Amino acid sequence: MIFEFTGSNMIDNGLLFFYASWSSNCNIQLDALKKIEKDNPDLQILKINTTKYRISKDKYQIHKIPTFIIINDNKIISRMDGYKDRISLSNWVKKYRS
C-alpha cells in the first residue's frame, strides 16, 4: 500500500520514496511504484515530499531525488538514488526485501 508521509506516520519496514512534486522524474516514478505495489501487496510504501519535510531529508541524507530506501526494523537495508526504470526498480525491491 502507498501512503503519503504526514510528519508523524513513519514506517519501520518497507520502501521509502523521497520525492519532490515539481520533479518530472519523481512523477514518472509513481507509475513504477504502482506496479511494485501491485506485485507486492504486503509491502508498505511511504512517499516523503522532501520539499515539505526537510527533517526527513536530512535524517536520511537525501541529496538526489528521487531516492528509494528499503528499511527493515528501522534500519537501512539498501538505497537507490536517482531515476530508475520500472524493471530495475522492481528487481531491486525483490532482491532487498525481507
C-alpha atoms as a PDB file:
ATOM      1  CA  MET A   1       0.000   0.000   0.000  1.00  0.00           C
ATOM      2  CA  ILE A   2       1.261   3.500  -0.842  1.00  0.00           C
ATOM      3  CA  PHE A   3       0.978   6.132   1.883  1.00  0.00           C
ATOM      4  CA  GLU A   4       1.852   9.828   1.928  1.00  0.00           C
ATOM      5  CA  PHE A   5       4.073  10.950   4.823  1.00  0.00           C
ATOM      6  CA  THR A   6       2.234  13.378   7.097  1.00  0.00           C
ATOM      7  CA  GLY A   7       5.035  14.193   9.500  1.00  0.00           C
ATOM      8  CA  SER A   8       4.205  11.504  12.037  1.00  0.00           C
ATOM      9  CA  ASN A   9       3.412   8.277  10.184  1.00  0.00           C
ATOM     10  CA  MET A  10       6.928   6.889   9.600  1.00  0.00           C
ATOM     11  CA  ILE A  11       7.114   3.152   8.934  1.00  0.00           C
ATOM     12  CA  ASP A  12       9.645   0.670  10.383  1.00  0.00           C
ATOM     13  CA  ASN A  13       9.597  -1.765   7.453  1.00  0.00           C
ATOM     14  CA  GLY A  14       9.058  -1.109   3.778  1.00  0.00           C
ATOM     15  CA  LEU A  15      10.047   1.222   0.995  1.00  0.00           C
ATOM     16  CA  LEU A  16      10.640   4.945   1.463  1.00  0.00           C
ATOM     17  CA  PHE A  17      10.249   7.069  -1.670  1.00  0.00           C
ATOM     18  CA  PHE A  18      11.745  10.547  -1.335  1.00  0.00           C
ATOM     19  CA  TYR A  19      10.429  12.909  -3.990  1.00  0.00           C
ATOM     20  CA  ALA A  20       9.634  16.492  -4.894  1.00  0.00           C
ATOM     21  CA  SER A  21       6.303  17.291  -6.502  1.00  0.00           C
ATOM     22  CA  TRP A  22       7.976  19.656  -9.005  1.00  0.00           C
ATOM     23  CA  SER A  23      10.299  16.916 -10.326  1.00  0.00           C
ATOM     24  CA  SER A  24       9.190  15.245 -13.558  1.00  0.00           C
ATOM     25  CA  ASN A  25      11.407  12.216 -12.835  1.00  0.00           C
ATOM     26  CA  CYS A  26       9.713  11.771  -9.455  1.00  0.00           C
ATOM     27  CA  ASN A  27       6.273  11.983 -11.034  1.00  0.00           C
ATOM     28  CA  ILE A  28       7.234   9.364 -13.631  1.00  0.00           C
ATOM     29  CA  GLN A  29       8.436   7.047 -10.832  1.00  0.00           C
ATOM     30  CA  LEU A  30       4.915   6.965  -9.388  1.00  0.00           C
ATOM     31  CA  ASP A  31       3.871   4.605 -12.198  1.00  0.00           C
ATOM     32  CA  ALA A  32       6.698   2.240 -11.248  1.00  0.00           C
ATOM     33  CA  LEU A  33       5.638   2.425  -7.586  1.00  0.00           C
ATOM     34  CA  LYS A  34       2.082   1.470  -8.512  1.00  0.00           C
ATOM     35  CA  LYS A  35       3.410  -1.615 -10.333  1.00  0.00           C
ATOM     36  CA  ILE A  36       5.583  -2.525  -7.327  1.00  0.00           C
ATOM     37  CA  GLU A  37       2.557  -2.067  -5.070  1.00  0.00           C
ATOM     38  CA  LYS A  38       0.514  -4.387  -7.285  1.00  0.00           C
ATOM     39  CA  ASP A  39       3.269  -7.040  -7.329  1.00  0.00           C
ATOM     40  CA  ASN A  40       3.926  -6.743  -3.557  1.00  0.00           C
ATOM     41  CA  PRO A  41       0.555  -6.128  -1.873  1.00  0.00           C
ATOM     42  CA  ASP A  42       2.018  -6.568   1.623  1.00  0.00           C
ATOM     43  CA  LEU A  43       4.809  -4.007   1.052  1.00  0.00           C
ATOM     44  CA  GLN A  44       4.332  -0.626   2.727  1.00  0.00           C
ATOM     45  CA  ILE A  45       5.480   2.238   0.520  1.00  0.00           C
ATOM     46  CA  LEU A  46       5.828   5.666   2.098  1.00  0.00           C
ATOM     47  CA  LYS A  47       6.124   8.726  -0.150  1.00  0.00           C
ATOM     48  CA  ILE A  48       8.027  11.581   1.518  1.00  0.00           C
ATOM     49  CA  ASN A  49       7.953  15.047  -0.017  1.00  0.00           C
ATOM     50  CA  THR A  50      11.469  16.416   0.529  1.00  0.00           C
ATOM     51  CA  THR A  51      10.352  19.986  -0.075  1.00  0.00           C
ATOM     52  CA  LYS A  52       7.749  19.803   2.662  1.00  0.00           C
ATOM     53  CA  TYR A  53       9.603  17.556   5.156  1.00  0.00           C
ATOM     54  CA  ARG A  54      13.210  18.675   5.198  1.00  0.00           C
ATOM     55  CA  ILE A  55      13.894  16.934   8.546  1.00  0.00           C
ATOM     56  CA  SER A  56      13.363  13.525   6.943  1.00  0.00           C
ATOM     57  CA  LYS A  57      15.515  14.585   4.004  1.00  0.00           C
ATOM     58  CA  ASP A  58      18.358  15.460   6.360  1.00  0.00           C
ATOM     59  CA  LYS A  59      17.929  12.351   8.526  1.00  0.00           C
ATOM     60  CA  TYR A  60      18.244  10.005   5.542  1.00  0.00           C
ATOM     61  CA  GLN A  61      20.906  12.103   3.772  1.00  0.00           C
ATOM     62  CA  ILE A  62      18.873  12.662   0.627  1.00  0.00           C
ATOM     63  CA  HIS A  63      20.990  14.544  -1.918  1.00  0.00           C
ATOM     64  CA  LYS A  64      19.263  13.418  -5.097  1.00  0.00           C
ATOM     65  CA  ILE A  65      15.646  12.889  -5.982  1.00  0.00           C
ATOM     66  CA  PRO A  66      14.042  10.556  -6.396  1.00  0.00           C
ATOM     67  CA  THR A  67      15.669   8.358  -3.767  1.00  0.00           C
ATOM     68  CA  PHE A  68      14.401   4.948  -2.719  1.00  0.00           C
ATOM     69  CA  ILE A  69      15.327   3.345   0.600  1.00  0.00           C
ATOM     70  CA  ILE A  70      14.339  -0.113   1.829  1.00  0.00           C
ATOM     71  CA  ILE A  71      14.163  -0.279   5.602  1.00  0.00           C
ATOM     72  CA  ASN A  72      13.722  -3.221   7.946  1.00  0.00           C
ATOM     73  CA  ASP A  73      13.334  -2.728  11.709  1.00  0.00           C
ATOM     74  CA  ASN A  74      14.053   0.960  11.086  1.00  0.00           C
ATOM     75  CA  LYS A  75      17.480   0.157   9.576  1.00  0.00           C
ATOM     76  CA  ILE A  76      18.505   0.970   6.033  1.00  0.00           C
ATOM     77  CA  ILE A  77      18.917  -2.234   4.039  1.00  0.00           C
ATOM     78  CA  SER A  78      19.560  -0.655   0.642  1.00  0.00           C
ATOM     79  CA  ARG A  79      19.101   2.584  -1.260  1.00  0.00           C
ATOM     80  CA  MET A  80      18.889   3.742  -4.858  1.00  0.00           C
ATOM     81  CA  ASP A  81      19.432   7.373  -5.794  1.00  0.00           C
ATOM     82  CA  GLY A  82      18.057   8.977  -8.926  1.00  0.00           C
ATOM     83  CA  TYR A  83      15.632   7.916 -11.622  1.00  0.00           C
ATOM     84  CA  LYS A  84      15.402   4.174 -12.303  1.00  0.00           C
ATOM     85  CA  ASP A  85      13.357   2.347 -14.911  1.00  0.00           C
ATOM     86  CA  ARG A  86      10.449   0.239 -13.641  1.00  0.00           C
ATOM     87  CA  ILE A  87      12.182  -3.109 -14.223  1.00  0.00           C
ATOM     88  CA  SER A  88      15.377  -2.095 -12.406  1.00  0.00           C
ATOM     89  CA  LEU A  89      13.361  -0.736  -9.510  1.00  0.00           C
ATOM     90  CA  SER A  90      11.200  -3.885  -9.295  1.00  0.00           C
ATOM     91  CA  ASN A  91      14.243  -6.164  -9.383  1.00  0.00           C
ATOM     92  CA  TRP A  92      15.937  -4.116  -6.651  1.00  0.00           C
ATOM     93  CA  VAL A  93      12.865  -4.374  -4.401  1.00  0.00           C
ATOM     94  CA  LYS A  94      12.714  -8.144  -4.902  1.00  0.00           C
ATOM     95  CA  LYS A  95      16.416  -8.501  -4.099  1.00  0.00           C
ATOM     96  CA  TYR A  96      16.492  -6.486  -0.874  1.00  0.00           C
ATOM     97  CA  ARG A  97      13.061  -7.007   0.550  1.00  0.00           C
ATOM     98  CA  SER A  98      12.953  -9.105   3.672  1.00  0.00           C
END
